[in-house]
Amino acid sequence: MNTLNEQWKKQVVNWEYSAAATPDLSAIPIQPFPASLHETGTTRVIELDISTMLGTSYPASSPCLLANYVHICSGESIQTHAQATSEVFFVMRGSGQTISDDGVITWQQGDAFTLPSNAGVRHEADSDTALYWTHDAPLLQYLGVSPSSPRFKPAFYGHAAMHSEVDALRDIAIRENRNRVGIILGNKDCIGTKTITHSMWALFNLLPAGAVQKAHRHNSVALDLAVSTGENTYTLIGQKVDAHGDIINPVKAVWEPNTVFITPPGWWHSHHNESDQDAYVFPVQDAGLHSYLRTLDIQFVR
């Protein structure tokens, strides 16, 4: 018998189908990350890392994505780089510019922009700044690969333009009781999946004052940024809904401005605004990948 055959046999382990069809992987928690993490301190990147909960050997906020707060003190700059194919930035606070191999863009509070794989960029702040930065490096680390070429062109989503588009559909969306009142941000290079990058998805969603947005679920993990909100605004998250579409035994994730919380895959979640102030949320998900794989399976209560 070939010695190499015997060596390779030592690597084999098999399972009976019904006992192994659903692996016992670590559950993804409903995890909040307070704004206090980025409101003070030095210029730095703050990883929203739950790798100890996920059991990964690298920083991750979900199996495929890592979210970060980037705090930049007024007049200072910082370099960011990730071995990733997709990066999504949202300006939570401040103003400044980002310098990349493609040139210089300026930004202010409420703007968003995306970058494909790159050699690193520099962000310069005109005032005290906080960016919400999410990328797909954990997916590449799991696969053991590096990006070889850009998969889309960079894009910039201005605050005023996003609000204008949402305002244009506000009345009809409320009148028709649509599940969400928002726009899915897109890139012309990702028309097939209708997503912000080929692997990632982002929604700019309005939750009107006094409104309830009914539950839905999907197989992607949501890393939700509460952009602006009044008191008593929150998301209810749970694994099951009753005959009326209400979530059974929900966990309550309270919205606070410029905070992030994780919504696990496959869990129902509904948004509730009991204040007199409109609220906005900016979830980032690995739904571009799921859409391409035809596994997103988004469902709405009736």
C-alpha atoms as a PDB file:
ATOM      1  CA  MET A   1       0.000   0.000   0.000  1.00  0.00           C
ATOM      2  CA  ASN A   2       1.257   3.447  -0.911  1.00  0.00           C
ATOM      3  CA  THR A   3       2.546   5.204   2.226  1.00  0.00           C
ATOM      4  CA  LEU A   4       0.977   8.473   1.110  1.00  0.00           C
ATOM      5  CA  ASN A   5      -2.422   6.758   0.877  1.00  0.00           C
ATOM      6  CA  GLU A   6      -2.069   5.701   4.513  1.00  0.00           C
ATOM      7  CA  GLN A   7      -1.106   9.220   5.576  1.00  0.00           C
ATOM      8  CA  TRP A   8      -4.087  10.763   3.801  1.00  0.00           C
ATOM      9  CA  LYS A   9      -6.457   8.225   5.341  1.00  0.00           C
ATOM     10  CA  LYS A  10      -5.569   9.587   8.782  1.00  0.00           C
ATOM     11  CA  GLN A  11      -7.263  12.849   7.805  1.00  0.00           C
ATOM     12  CA  VAL A  12     -10.655  11.209   7.198  1.00  0.00           C
ATOM     13  CA  VAL A  13     -13.596  11.595   9.562  1.00  0.00           C
ATOM     14  CA  ASN A  14     -17.197  10.844   8.531  1.00  0.00           C
ATOM     15  CA  TRP A  15     -20.608  11.432  10.088  1.00  0.00           C
ATOM     16  CA  GLU A  16     -24.000   9.800   9.796  1.00  0.00           C
ATOM     17  CA  TYR A  17     -26.139  12.142   7.700  1.00  0.00           C
ATOM     18  CA  SER A  18     -29.024  12.908  10.058  1.00  0.00           C
ATOM     19  CA  ALA A  19     -26.637  13.612  12.944  1.00  0.00           C
ATOM     20  CA  ALA A  20     -24.435  15.999  10.976  1.00  0.00           C
ATOM     21  CA  ALA A  21     -26.694  17.721   8.429  1.00  0.00           C
ATOM     22  CA  THR A  22     -26.942  20.777  10.716  1.00  0.00           C
ATOM     23  CA  PRO A  23     -23.501  21.410  12.265  1.00  0.00           C
ATOM     24  CA  ASP A  24     -23.405  22.704  15.821  1.00  0.00           C
ATOM     25  CA  LEU A  25     -21.789  26.056  15.004  1.00  0.00           C
ATOM     26  CA  SER A  26     -21.651  28.965  17.434  1.00  0.00           C
ATOM     27  CA  ALA A  27     -24.810  31.071  17.396  1.00  0.00           C
ATOM     28  CA  ILE A  28     -24.567  34.677  16.245  1.00  0.00           C
ATOM     29  CA  PRO A  29     -25.593  36.924  19.154  1.00  0.00           C
ATOM     30  CA  ILE A  30     -27.780  40.025  19.247  1.00  0.00           C
ATOM     31  CA  GLN A  31     -24.850  42.224  20.153  1.00  0.00           C
ATOM     32  CA  PRO A  32     -24.898  46.023  20.677  1.00  0.00           C
ATOM     33  CA  PHE A  33     -21.876  48.317  20.268  1.00  0.00           C
ATOM     34  CA  PRO A  34     -22.428  51.686  22.035  1.00  0.00           C
ATOM     35  CA  ALA A  35     -21.497  55.061  20.573  1.00  0.00           C
ATOM     36  CA  SER A  36     -19.291  55.674  23.603  1.00  0.00           C
ATOM     37  CA  LEU A  37     -16.686  53.504  21.879  1.00  0.00           C
ATOM     38  CA  HIS A  38     -16.025  56.240  19.288  1.00  0.00           C
ATOM     39  CA  GLU A  39     -17.091  59.440  21.044  1.00  0.00           C
ATOM     40  CA  THR A  40     -13.823  60.054  22.890  1.00  0.00           C
ATOM     41  CA  GLY A  41     -10.193  59.005  22.763  1.00  0.00           C
ATOM     42  CA  THR A  42      -7.460  58.999  20.179  1.00  0.00           C
ATOM     43  CA  THR A  43      -7.578  58.616  16.413  1.00  0.00           C
ATOM     44  CA  ARG A  44      -7.956  54.875  15.895  1.00  0.00           C
ATOM     45  CA  VAL A  45      -9.901  51.979  14.376  1.00  0.00           C
ATOM     46  CA  ILE A  46     -12.226  50.212  16.836  1.00  0.00           C
ATOM     47  CA  GLU A  47     -13.069  46.688  15.694  1.00  0.00           C
ATOM     48  CA  LEU A  48     -16.570  45.490  16.545  1.00  0.00           C
ATOM     49  CA  ASP A  49     -15.145  42.048  17.084  1.00  0.00           C
ATOM     50  CA  ILE A  50     -17.065  39.015  18.365  1.00  0.00           C
ATOM     51  CA  SER A  51     -14.567  36.409  17.163  1.00  0.00           C
ATOM     52  CA  THR A  52     -14.515  34.737  20.596  1.00  0.00           C
ATOM     53  CA  MET A  53     -18.268  34.130  20.238  1.00  0.00           C
ATOM     54  CA  LEU A  54     -17.995  32.995  16.627  1.00  0.00           C
ATOM     55  CA  GLY A  55     -14.947  30.799  17.224  1.00  0.00           C
ATOM     56  CA  THR A  56     -12.836  32.417  14.492  1.00  0.00           C
ATOM     57  CA  SER A  57      -9.093  32.999  14.699  1.00  0.00           C
ATOM     58  CA  TYR A  58      -9.468  36.460  13.099  1.00  0.00           C
ATOM     59  CA  PRO A  59     -11.562  39.530  13.982  1.00  0.00           C
ATOM     60  CA  ALA A  60     -15.151  39.281  12.760  1.00  0.00           C
ATOM     61  CA  SER A  61     -18.579  40.774  13.466  1.00  0.00           C
ATOM     62  CA  SER A  62     -20.270  37.979  11.512  1.00  0.00           C
ATOM     63  CA  PRO A  63     -18.892  34.951   9.656  1.00  0.00           C
ATOM     64  CA  CYS A  64     -18.360  37.079   6.510  1.00  0.00           C
ATOM     65  CA  LEU A  65     -18.007  40.679   7.688  1.00  0.00           C
ATOM     66  CA  LEU A  66     -16.100  42.880  10.122  1.00  0.00           C
ATOM     67  CA  ALA A  67     -17.617  46.184  11.213  1.00  0.00           C
ATOM     68  CA  ASN A  68     -15.523  48.965  12.717  1.00  0.00           C
ATOM     69  CA  TYR A  69     -15.835  52.417  14.183  1.00  0.00           C
ATOM     70  CA  VAL A  70     -13.120  54.775  12.914  1.00  0.00           C
ATOM     71  CA  HIS A  71     -12.547  57.759  15.216  1.00  0.00           C
ATOM     72  CA  ILE A  72     -10.502  60.618  13.754  1.00  0.00           C
ATOM     73  CA  CYS A  73      -9.732  63.615  15.920  1.00  0.00           C
ATOM     74  CA  SER A  74     -10.116  67.047  14.343  1.00  0.00           C
ATOM     75  CA  GLY A  75      -7.183  67.911  12.088  1.00  0.00           C
ATOM     76  CA  GLU A  76      -5.787  64.375  12.179  1.00  0.00           C
ATOM     77  CA  SER A  77      -5.706  61.495   9.675  1.00  0.00           C
ATOM     78  CA  ILE A  78      -5.666  57.723   9.651  1.00  0.00           C
ATOM     79  CA  GLN A  79      -4.813  55.010   7.135  1.00  0.00           C
ATOM     80  CA  THR A  80      -7.231  52.114   6.692  1.00  0.00           C
ATOM     81  CA  HIS A  81      -6.577  48.907   4.798  1.00  0.00           C
ATOM     82  CA  ALA A  82      -8.194  45.489   4.755  1.00  0.00           C
ATOM     83  CA  GLN A  83      -7.554  42.350   2.712  1.00  0.00           C
ATOM     84  CA  ALA A  84     -11.092  42.599   1.413  1.00  0.00           C
ATOM     85  CA  THR A  85     -13.007  42.764  -1.849  1.00  0.00           C
ATOM     86  CA  SER A  86     -15.603  45.248  -0.559  1.00  0.00           C
ATOM     87  CA  GLU A  87     -15.614  48.162   1.887  1.00  0.00           C
ATOM     88  CA  VAL A  88     -18.611  50.277   2.898  1.00  0.00           C
ATOM     89  CA  PHE A  89     -18.189  53.563   4.813  1.00  0.00           C
ATOM     90  CA  PHE A  90     -20.886  55.714   6.438  1.00  0.00           C
ATOM     91  CA  VAL A  91     -20.039  59.091   7.984  1.00  0.00           C
ATOM     92  CA  MET A  92     -21.660  59.105  11.417  1.00  0.00           C
ATOM     93  CA  ARG A  93     -20.143  62.406  12.523  1.00  0.00           C
ATOM     94  CA  GLY A  94     -17.788  65.064  11.191  1.00  0.00           C
ATOM     95  CA  SER A  95     -16.383  66.050   7.817  1.00  0.00           C
ATOM     96  CA  GLY A  96     -13.212  65.540   5.838  1.00  0.00           C
ATOM     97  CA  GLN A  97     -11.764  63.757   2.860  1.00  0.00           C
ATOM     98  CA  THR A  98     -10.507  60.345   1.768  1.00  0.00           C
ATOM     99  CA  ILE A  99      -7.428  59.984  -0.418  1.00  0.00           C
ATOM    100  CA  SER A 100      -7.124  56.841  -2.541  1.00  0.00           C
ATOM    101  CA  ASP A 101      -5.377  55.720  -5.719  1.00  0.00           C
ATOM    102  CA  ASP A 102      -8.526  56.873  -7.550  1.00  0.00           C
ATOM    103  CA  GLY A 103      -8.244  60.442  -6.211  1.00  0.00           C
ATOM    104  CA  VAL A 104      -9.740  62.499  -3.398  1.00  0.00           C
ATOM    105  CA  ILE A 105     -13.364  62.606  -2.259  1.00  0.00           C
ATOM    106  CA  THR A 106     -14.815  64.946   0.348  1.00  0.00           C
ATOM    107  CA  TRP A 107     -17.529  63.879   2.775  1.00  0.00           C
ATOM    108  CA  GLN A 108     -19.687  65.088   5.622  1.00  0.00           C
ATOM    109  CA  GLN A 109     -22.133  63.634   8.128  1.00  0.00           C
ATOM    110  CA  GLY A 110     -24.662  61.301   6.522  1.00  0.00           C
ATOM    111  CA  ASP A 111     -22.645  60.515   3.387  1.00  0.00           C
ATOM    112  CA  ALA A 112     -21.641  56.980   2.402  1.00  0.00           C
ATOM    113  CA  PHE A 113     -19.095  55.579  -0.028  1.00  0.00           C
ATOM    114  CA  THR A 114     -17.729  52.219  -1.148  1.00  0.00           C
ATOM    115  CA  LEU A 115     -14.330  50.928  -2.188  1.00  0.00           C
ATOM    116  CA  PRO A 116     -13.262  47.723  -3.942  1.00  0.00           C
ATOM    117  CA  SER A 117     -10.001  45.942  -3.073  1.00  0.00           C
ATOM    118  CA  ASN A 118      -7.228  48.495  -2.663  1.00  0.00           C
ATOM    119  CA  ALA A 119      -3.772  49.073  -1.205  1.00  0.00           C
ATOM    120  CA  GLY A 120      -5.104  51.328   1.552  1.00  0.00           C
ATOM    121  CA  VAL A 121      -6.619  54.801   1.807  1.00  0.00           C
ATOM    122  CA  ARG A 122      -6.082  57.818   4.061  1.00  0.00           C
ATOM    123  CA  HIS A 123      -8.925  59.654   5.788  1.00  0.00           C
ATOM    124  CA  GLU A 124      -8.355  63.265   6.912  1.00  0.00           C
ATOM    125  CA  ALA A 125     -10.780  64.932   9.325  1.00  0.00           C
ATOM    126  CA  ASP A 126     -11.690  68.629   9.309  1.00  0.00           C
ATOM    127  CA  SER A 127     -13.644  68.164  12.551  1.00  0.00           C
ATOM    128  CA  ASP A 128     -14.029  65.388  15.107  1.00  0.00           C
ATOM    129  CA  THR A 129     -15.168  62.444  12.971  1.00  0.00           C
ATOM    130  CA  ALA A 130     -16.575  58.961  13.328  1.00  0.00           C
ATOM    131  CA  LEU A 131     -16.914  56.588  10.366  1.00  0.00           C
ATOM    132  CA  TYR A 132     -18.784  53.290  10.282  1.00  0.00           C
ATOM    133  CA  TRP A 133     -16.561  50.957   8.217  1.00  0.00           C
ATOM    134  CA  THR A 134     -17.598  47.452   7.213  1.00  0.00           C
ATOM    135  CA  HIS A 135     -15.730  45.022   4.950  1.00  0.00           C
ATOM    136  CA  ASP A 136     -15.670  41.371   3.911  1.00  0.00           C
ATOM    137  CA  ALA A 137     -12.152  40.412   5.065  1.00  0.00           C
ATOM    138  CA  PRO A 138     -13.471  37.604   7.327  1.00  0.00           C
ATOM    139  CA  LEU A 139     -14.980  35.872   4.282  1.00  0.00           C
ATOM    140  CA  LEU A 140     -11.636  35.951   2.490  1.00  0.00           C
ATOM    141  CA  GLN A 141      -9.788  34.754   5.580  1.00  0.00           C
ATOM    142  CA  TYR A 142     -12.157  31.808   5.907  1.00  0.00           C
ATOM    143  CA  LEU A 143     -11.569  30.913   2.244  1.00  0.00           C
ATOM    144  CA  GLY A 144      -7.803  31.444   2.532  1.00  0.00           C
ATOM    145  CA  VAL A 145      -7.686  33.815  -0.441  1.00  0.00           C
ATOM    146  CA  SER A 146      -6.572  37.347  -1.283  1.00  0.00           C
ATOM    147  CA  PRO A 147      -8.293  39.802  -3.652  1.00  0.00           C
ATOM    148  CA  SER A 148      -6.723  39.771  -7.097  1.00  0.00           C
ATOM    149  CA  SER A 149      -8.590  42.582  -8.863  1.00  0.00           C
ATOM    150  CA  PRO A 150     -11.353  45.125  -8.164  1.00  0.00           C
ATOM    151  CA  ARG A 151     -14.851  43.701  -8.677  1.00  0.00           C
ATOM    152  CA  PHE A 152     -16.628  47.068  -8.941  1.00  0.00           C
ATOM    153  CA  LYS A 153     -15.859  50.772  -9.220  1.00  0.00           C
ATOM    154  CA  PRO A 154     -15.946  53.052  -6.152  1.00  0.00           C
ATOM    155  CA  ALA A 155     -19.204  54.894  -5.505  1.00  0.00           C
ATOM    156  CA  PHE A 156     -20.323  57.886  -3.418  1.00  0.00           C
ATOM    157  CA  TYR A 157     -23.805  58.237  -1.904  1.00  0.00           C
ATOM    158  CA  GLY A 158     -24.510  61.779  -0.751  1.00  0.00           C
ATOM    159  CA  HIS A 159     -26.642  62.503   2.311  1.00  0.00           C
ATOM    160  CA  ALA A 160     -28.971  64.872   0.456  1.00  0.00           C
ATOM    161  CA  ALA A 161     -29.515  62.500  -2.468  1.00  0.00           C
ATOM    162  CA  MET A 162     -30.351  59.538  -0.204  1.00  0.00           C
ATOM    163  CA  HIS A 163     -32.829  61.584   1.824  1.00  0.00           C
ATOM    164  CA  SER A 164     -34.410  62.960  -1.356  1.00  0.00           C
ATOM    165  CA  GLU A 165     -35.011  59.479  -2.756  1.00  0.00           C
ATOM    166  CA  VAL A 166     -36.515  58.228   0.503  1.00  0.00           C
ATOM    167  CA  ASP A 167     -38.707  61.336   0.834  1.00  0.00           C
ATOM    168  CA  ALA A 168     -40.021  60.774  -2.707  1.00  0.00           C
ATOM    169  CA  LEU A 169     -41.419  57.356  -1.805  1.00  0.00           C
ATOM    170  CA  ARG A 170     -42.383  58.110   1.806  1.00  0.00           C
ATOM    171  CA  ASP A 171     -46.098  58.840   1.360  1.00  0.00           C
ATOM    172  CA  ILE A 172     -46.897  55.945  -0.951  1.00  0.00           C
ATOM    173  CA  ALA A 173     -44.851  53.505   1.152  1.00  0.00           C
ATOM    174  CA  ILE A 174     -46.715  54.527   4.315  1.00  0.00           C
ATOM    175  CA  ARG A 175     -50.083  54.471   2.536  1.00  0.00           C
ATOM    176  CA  GLU A 176     -49.444  50.984   1.179  1.00  0.00           C
ATOM    177  CA  ASN A 177     -48.026  49.837   4.541  1.00  0.00           C
ATOM    178  CA  ARG A 178     -44.840  48.601   2.941  1.00  0.00           C
ATOM    179  CA  ASN A 179     -42.497  46.536   5.089  1.00  0.00           C
ATOM    180  CA  ARG A 180     -39.743  49.159   4.908  1.00  0.00           C
ATOM    181  CA  VAL A 181     -39.528  52.784   3.708  1.00  0.00           C
ATOM    182  CA  GLY A 182     -36.094  52.930   2.178  1.00  0.00           C
ATOM    183  CA  ILE A 183     -33.728  52.486  -0.724  1.00  0.00           C
ATOM    184  CA  ILE A 184     -31.288  49.654  -1.333  1.00  0.00           C
ATOM    185  CA  LEU A 185     -28.054  51.340  -2.348  1.00  0.00           C
ATOM    186  CA  GLY A 186     -26.624  50.002  -5.581  1.00  0.00           C
ATOM    187  CA  ASN A 187     -23.629  50.044  -7.895  1.00  0.00           C
ATOM    188  CA  LYS A 188     -23.827  49.815 -11.690  1.00  0.00           C
ATOM    189  CA  ASP A 189     -21.327  46.946 -11.564  1.00  0.00           C
ATOM    190  CA  CYS A 190     -23.682  44.960  -9.281  1.00  0.00           C
ATOM    191  CA  ILE A 191     -26.949  45.266 -11.202  1.00  0.00           C
ATOM    192  CA  GLY A 192     -27.562  41.509 -11.150  1.00  0.00           C
ATOM    193  CA  THR A 193     -27.708  41.269  -7.366  1.00  0.00           C
ATOM    194  CA  LYS A 194     -29.060  44.835  -6.884  1.00  0.00           C
ATOM    195  CA  THR A 195     -26.509  45.472  -4.147  1.00  0.00           C
ATOM    196  CA  ILE A 196     -23.967  48.079  -3.040  1.00  0.00           C
ATOM    197  CA  THR A 197     -21.054  45.708  -3.800  1.00  0.00           C
ATOM    198  CA  HIS A 198     -20.917  42.205  -5.243  1.00  0.00           C
ATOM    199  CA  SER A 199     -20.760  40.683  -1.724  1.00  0.00           C
ATOM    200  CA  MET A 200     -22.421  43.323   0.461  1.00  0.00           C
ATOM    201  CA  TRP A 201     -25.815  45.007   0.734  1.00  0.00           C
ATOM    202  CA  ALA A 202     -26.917  48.249   2.385  1.00  0.00           C
ATOM    203  CA  LEU A 203     -30.289  49.874   3.011  1.00  0.00           C
ATOM    204  CA  PHE A 204     -31.053  53.479   3.919  1.00  0.00           C
ATOM    205  CA  ASN A 205     -34.336  53.046   5.763  1.00  0.00           C
ATOM    206  CA  LEU A 206     -36.727  55.590   7.253  1.00  0.00           C
ATOM    207  CA  LEU A 207     -38.747  54.611  10.322  1.00  0.00           C
ATOM    208  CA  PRO A 208     -41.330  57.419  10.559  1.00  0.00           C
ATOM    209  CA  ALA A 209     -42.359  58.882  13.889  1.00  0.00           C
ATOM    210  CA  GLY A 210     -44.999  56.691  15.521  1.00  0.00           C
ATOM    211  CA  ALA A 211     -44.587  53.907  12.955  1.00  0.00           C
ATOM    212  CA  VAL A 212     -44.196  50.147  13.219  1.00  0.00           C
ATOM    213  CA  GLN A 213     -42.474  48.275  10.405  1.00  0.00           C
ATOM    214  CA  LYS A 214     -43.647  44.674  10.455  1.00  0.00           C
ATOM    215  CA  ALA A 215     -41.319  41.753  10.877  1.00  0.00           C
ATOM    216  CA  HIS A 216     -39.265  40.177   8.149  1.00  0.00           C
ATOM    217  CA  ARG A 217     -36.391  37.702   8.096  1.00  0.00           C
ATOM    218  CA  HIS A 218     -33.485  36.759   5.811  1.00  0.00           C
ATOM    219  CA  ASN A 219     -30.462  34.466   5.825  1.00  0.00           C
ATOM    220  CA  SER A 220     -27.902  37.271   5.845  1.00  0.00           C
ATOM    221  CA  VAL A 221     -26.498  38.753   9.057  1.00  0.00           C
ATOM    222  CA  ALA A 222     -27.412  42.428   9.518  1.00  0.00           C
ATOM    223  CA  LEU A 223     -24.948  44.843  11.107  1.00  0.00           C
ATOM    224  CA  ASP A 224     -27.398  47.661  11.833  1.00  0.00           C
ATOM    225  CA  LEU A 225     -26.295  51.269  12.324  1.00  0.00           C
ATOM    226  CA  ALA A 226     -28.905  53.463  14.014  1.00  0.00           C
ATOM    227  CA  VAL A 227     -28.215  56.751  12.228  1.00  0.00           C
ATOM    228  CA  SER A 228     -30.665  59.073  13.993  1.00  0.00           C
ATOM    229  CA  THR A 229     -33.475  58.339  16.395  1.00  0.00           C
ATOM    230  CA  GLY A 230     -35.685  59.689  19.145  1.00  0.00           C
ATOM    231  CA  GLU A 231     -36.439  57.984  22.435  1.00  0.00           C
ATOM    232  CA  ASN A 232     -38.359  54.706  22.573  1.00  0.00           C
ATOM    233  CA  THR A 233     -37.223  53.553  19.140  1.00  0.00           C
ATOM    234  CA  TYR A 234     -36.141  49.943  18.914  1.00  0.00           C
ATOM    235  CA  THR A 235     -36.050  46.639  17.034  1.00  0.00           C
ATOM    236  CA  LEU A 236     -37.686  43.464  18.307  1.00  0.00           C
ATOM    237  CA  ILE A 237     -35.816  40.303  17.289  1.00  0.00           C
ATOM    238  CA  GLY A 238     -36.907  36.698  17.709  1.00  0.00           C
ATOM    239  CA  GLN A 239     -36.905  33.285  16.090  1.00  0.00           C
ATOM    240  CA  LYS A 240     -40.657  32.857  15.639  1.00  0.00           C
ATOM    241  CA  VAL A 241     -43.794  34.895  14.928  1.00  0.00           C
ATOM    242  CA  ASP A 242     -47.380  34.176  15.945  1.00  0.00           C
ATOM    243  CA  ALA A 243     -50.498  34.039  13.749  1.00  0.00           C
ATOM    244  CA  HIS A 244     -50.749  37.843  13.869  1.00  0.00           C
ATOM    245  CA  GLY A 245     -47.171  38.362  12.691  1.00  0.00           C
ATOM    246  CA  ASP A 246     -45.937  39.458  16.112  1.00  0.00           C
ATOM    247  CA  ILE A 247     -42.571  38.191  17.307  1.00  0.00           C
ATOM    248  CA  ILE A 248     -42.735  35.602  20.085  1.00  0.00           C
ATOM    249  CA  ASN A 249     -40.489  36.249  23.128  1.00  0.00           C
ATOM    250  CA  PRO A 250     -38.463  38.958  21.359  1.00  0.00           C
ATOM    251  CA  VAL A 251     -35.163  40.514  22.358  1.00  0.00           C
ATOM    252  CA  LYS A 252     -35.295  44.324  22.321  1.00  0.00           C
ATOM    253  CA  ALA A 253     -32.441  46.199  20.608  1.00  0.00           C
ATOM    254  CA  VAL A 254     -32.746  49.883  21.515  1.00  0.00           C
ATOM    255  CA  TRP A 255     -31.758  52.438  18.883  1.00  0.00           C
ATOM    256  CA  GLU A 256     -29.276  55.069  20.021  1.00  0.00           C
ATOM    257  CA  PRO A 257     -27.704  57.503  17.512  1.00  0.00           C
ATOM    258  CA  ASN A 258     -24.480  56.218  15.948  1.00  0.00           C
ATOM    259  CA  THR A 259     -24.650  52.774  17.541  1.00  0.00           C
ATOM    260  CA  VAL A 260     -24.547  49.356  15.901  1.00  0.00           C
ATOM    261  CA  PHE A 261     -26.311  46.125  16.805  1.00  0.00           C
ATOM    262  CA  ILE A 262     -26.203  42.673  15.217  1.00  0.00           C
ATOM    263  CA  THR A 263     -29.334  40.947  13.925  1.00  0.00           C
ATOM    264  CA  PRO A 264     -28.709  37.178  13.553  1.00  0.00           C
ATOM    265  CA  PRO A 265     -29.526  35.365  10.294  1.00  0.00           C
ATOM    266  CA  GLY A 266     -32.958  33.799   9.994  1.00  0.00           C
ATOM    267  CA  TRP A 267     -34.418  35.728  12.943  1.00  0.00           C
ATOM    268  CA  TRP A 268     -37.571  37.795  12.535  1.00  0.00           C
ATOM    269  CA  HIS A 269     -37.161  41.509  13.298  1.00  0.00           C
ATOM    270  CA  SER A 270     -39.605  44.424  13.395  1.00  0.00           C
ATOM    271  CA  HIS A 271     -38.864  48.154  13.881  1.00  0.00           C
ATOM    272  CA  HIS A 272     -40.836  50.353  16.309  1.00  0.00           C
ATOM    273  CA  ASN A 273     -40.747  54.146  16.682  1.00  0.00           C
ATOM    274  CA  GLU A 274     -42.757  55.374  19.661  1.00  0.00           C
ATOM    275  CA  SER A 275     -41.254  58.869  19.500  1.00  0.00           C
ATOM    276  CA  ASP A 276     -42.333  62.018  17.646  1.00  0.00           C
ATOM    277  CA  GLN A 277     -39.083  62.050  15.656  1.00  0.00           C
ATOM    278  CA  ASP A 278     -38.321  60.266  12.385  1.00  0.00           C
ATOM    279  CA  ALA A 279     -35.550  57.692  12.675  1.00  0.00           C
ATOM    280  CA  TYR A 280     -33.124  56.221  10.147  1.00  0.00           C
ATOM    281  CA  VAL A 281     -31.165  52.979  10.120  1.00  0.00           C
ATOM    282  CA  PHE A 282     -28.333  51.860   7.832  1.00  0.00           C
ATOM    283  CA  PRO A 283     -27.926  48.069   7.926  1.00  0.00           C
ATOM    284  CA  VAL A 284     -24.989  46.446   6.144  1.00  0.00           C
ATOM    285  CA  GLN A 285     -25.231  42.744   5.323  1.00  0.00           C
ATOM    286  CA  ASP A 286     -23.515  39.937   3.418  1.00  0.00           C
ATOM    287  CA  ALA A 287     -26.669  39.780   1.288  1.00  0.00           C
ATOM    288  CA  GLY A 288     -24.809  40.439  -1.956  1.00  0.00           C
ATOM    289  CA  LEU A 289     -23.179  37.039  -1.555  1.00  0.00           C
ATOM    290  CA  HIS A 290     -26.457  35.415  -0.507  1.00  0.00           C
ATOM    291  CA  SER A 291     -28.292  36.963  -3.455  1.00  0.00           C
ATOM    292  CA  TYR A 292     -25.701  35.587  -5.851  1.00  0.00           C
ATOM    293  CA  LEU A 293     -25.982  32.135  -4.235  1.00  0.00           C
ATOM    294  CA  ARG A 294     -29.831  32.379  -4.344  1.00  0.00           C
ATOM    295  CA  THR A 295     -29.948  31.743  -0.587  1.00  0.00           C
ATOM    296  CA  LEU A 296     -31.109  35.113   0.827  1.00  0.00           C
ATOM    297  CA  ASP A 297     -34.699  33.827   1.292  1.00  0.00           C
ATOM    298  CA  ILE A 298     -36.181  37.107   2.528  1.00  0.00           C
ATOM    299  CA  GLN A 299     -39.673  36.615   3.991  1.00  0.00           C
ATOM    300  CA  PHE A 300     -42.317  39.062   5.216  1.00  0.00           C
ATOM    301  CA  VAL A 301     -45.159  38.573   7.666  1.00  0.00           C
ATOM    302  CA  ARG A 302     -48.612  38.958   6.126  1.00  0.00           C
END
